[in-house]
Amino acid sequence: MAIAYIKTTLDGRKVEVIDGWICLGGAREADALIPMEEHPNRQAIVKAVPDATHAGGRLPFTLAQAAAVQSALSIAQRKFDASPAGITQRLRQAVWAKATADGVE
C-alpha cells in the first residue's frame, strides 16, 4: 500500500493519496485532479480557498499540493496488476472514461 501525505485540513483530518485515490481521513474522495476552471463548484471553492488551482472531489489544492497529488497518482498508475481481476478493472475504467468523454453520465 502506497501512501503519500499531502496536507492536514483545518479540522485535523489528513489528506493523502492512498493506492491511487485522493483520501480524506482515510476515506476515498476522488481518483483524479480537476483544474479549477473545469470544476462545477469552482466559484464556491475559489471563494473559500483563493489560491486553489485544482480540486480532487471536494478537496481544494494549491499548485504545489496539486503537483504532489498528481505525482502520487502517477506513481500508483504505473503499478500494473497483471492478474485477470486487475486487467478487468483497467478495462472497466477505460470503457467508463470513454463513455464519459462521449457524454454518457
Protein backbone atom coordinates (compact mmCIF):
# COMPACT_ATOMS: atom_id res chain seq x y z
CA MET A 1 0.00 0.00 0.00
CA ALA A 2 1.47 3.32 -1.12
CA ILE A 3 0.56 6.37 0.96
CA ALA A 4 1.60 9.96 0.17
CA TYR A 5 0.77 12.65 2.74
CA ILE A 6 -0.43 15.90 1.11
CA LYS A 7 -1.81 18.13 3.88
CA THR A 8 -3.93 18.30 7.01
CA THR A 9 -7.32 20.03 6.89
CA LEU A 10 -8.34 22.72 9.38
CA ASP A 11 -10.36 20.13 11.31
CA GLY A 12 -7.31 17.85 11.65
CA ARG A 13 -8.04 15.19 9.02
CA LYS A 14 -5.18 14.03 6.81
CA VAL A 15 -5.39 14.39 3.05
CA GLU A 16 -3.38 11.58 1.48
CA VAL A 17 -3.06 9.70 -1.78
CA ILE A 18 -3.56 6.03 -0.98
CA ASP A 19 -3.17 3.45 -3.75
CA GLY A 20 -4.23 5.87 -6.49
CA TRP A 21 -7.06 7.55 -4.57
CA ILE A 22 -7.18 11.01 -3.03
CA CYS A 23 -8.39 10.32 0.50
CA LEU A 24 -9.69 12.48 3.33
CA GLY A 25 -9.22 10.89 6.74
CA GLY A 26 -8.65 7.53 5.04
CA ALA A 27 -11.92 7.65 3.05
CA ARG A 28 -11.79 7.82 -0.73
CA GLU A 29 -12.70 11.18 -2.27
CA ALA A 30 -11.50 11.08 -5.89
CA ASP A 31 -9.15 9.31 -8.27
CA ALA A 32 -8.18 12.33 -10.37
CA LEU A 33 -7.49 16.05 -10.12
CA ILE A 34 -9.69 18.57 -11.88
CA PRO A 35 -8.38 22.03 -12.84
CA MET A 36 -10.35 24.72 -11.06
CA GLU A 37 -11.62 26.12 -14.39
CA GLU A 38 -13.42 22.81 -15.05
CA HIS A 39 -14.81 22.15 -11.56
CA PRO A 40 -18.61 22.50 -11.32
CA ASN A 41 -18.39 24.21 -7.91
CA ARG A 42 -15.39 26.43 -8.70
CA GLN A 43 -16.95 29.71 -7.53
CA ALA A 44 -17.56 28.45 -4.00
CA ILE A 45 -14.15 26.76 -3.83
CA VAL A 46 -12.25 29.86 -5.02
CA LYS A 47 -14.21 32.00 -2.57
CA ALA A 48 -13.19 29.71 0.32
CA VAL A 49 -9.64 28.97 -0.92
CA PRO A 50 -8.50 31.79 -3.23
CA ASP A 51 -5.16 30.16 -4.15
CA ALA A 52 -6.71 26.82 -5.17
CA THR A 53 -5.74 25.72 -8.69
CA HIS A 54 -7.11 22.16 -8.67
CA ALA A 55 -9.63 20.03 -6.80
CA GLY A 56 -9.99 16.35 -6.12
CA GLY A 57 -13.63 15.74 -5.32
CA ARG A 58 -14.43 18.33 -2.66
CA LEU A 59 -10.79 18.91 -1.70
CA PRO A 60 -9.10 22.09 -3.00
CA PHE A 61 -5.35 22.12 -3.69
CA THR A 62 -2.79 24.82 -4.32
CA LEU A 63 -0.44 24.39 -7.28
CA ALA A 64 2.28 22.82 -5.12
CA GLN A 65 -0.17 20.44 -3.44
CA ALA A 66 -1.72 19.53 -6.80
CA ALA A 67 1.74 18.69 -8.14
CA ALA A 68 2.35 16.36 -5.18
CA VAL A 69 -1.06 14.73 -5.65
CA GLN A 70 -0.52 14.24 -9.40
CA SER A 71 2.90 12.74 -8.76
CA ALA A 72 1.49 10.24 -6.26
CA LEU A 73 -1.40 9.37 -8.61
CA SER A 74 1.05 8.82 -11.48
CA ILE A 75 3.22 6.52 -9.37
CA ALA A 76 0.15 4.49 -8.39
CA GLN A 77 -0.94 4.19 -12.04
CA ARG A 78 2.48 2.86 -13.05
CA LYS A 79 1.99 -0.17 -10.83
CA PHE A 80 0.30 -2.69 -13.08
CA ASP A 81 -1.76 -5.55 -11.70
CA ALA A 82 -1.43 -8.28 -14.34
CA SER A 83 -3.95 -10.58 -12.70
CA PRO A 84 -7.26 -11.23 -14.51
CA ALA A 85 -9.07 -9.08 -11.91
CA GLY A 86 -6.57 -6.22 -12.37
CA ILE A 87 -6.89 -6.32 -16.15
CA THR A 88 -10.68 -6.40 -15.90
CA GLN A 89 -10.62 -3.36 -13.62
CA ARG A 90 -8.38 -1.40 -16.02
CA LEU A 91 -10.66 -2.28 -18.95
CA ARG A 92 -13.73 -1.23 -16.97
CA GLN A 93 -12.09 2.12 -16.14
CA ALA A 94 -11.10 2.68 -19.78
CA VAL A 95 -14.61 1.92 -21.04
CA TRP A 96 -16.14 4.23 -18.44
CA ALA A 97 -13.68 7.04 -19.28
CA LYS A 98 -14.54 6.70 -22.98
CA ALA A 99 -18.27 6.70 -22.29
CA THR A 100 -17.92 9.76 -20.06
CA ALA A 101 -15.88 11.57 -22.71
CA ASP A 102 -18.63 10.77 -25.24
CA GLY A 103 -21.24 12.38 -22.98
CA VAL A 104 -22.74 9.40 -21.14
CA GLU A 105 -23.37 10.12 -17.47
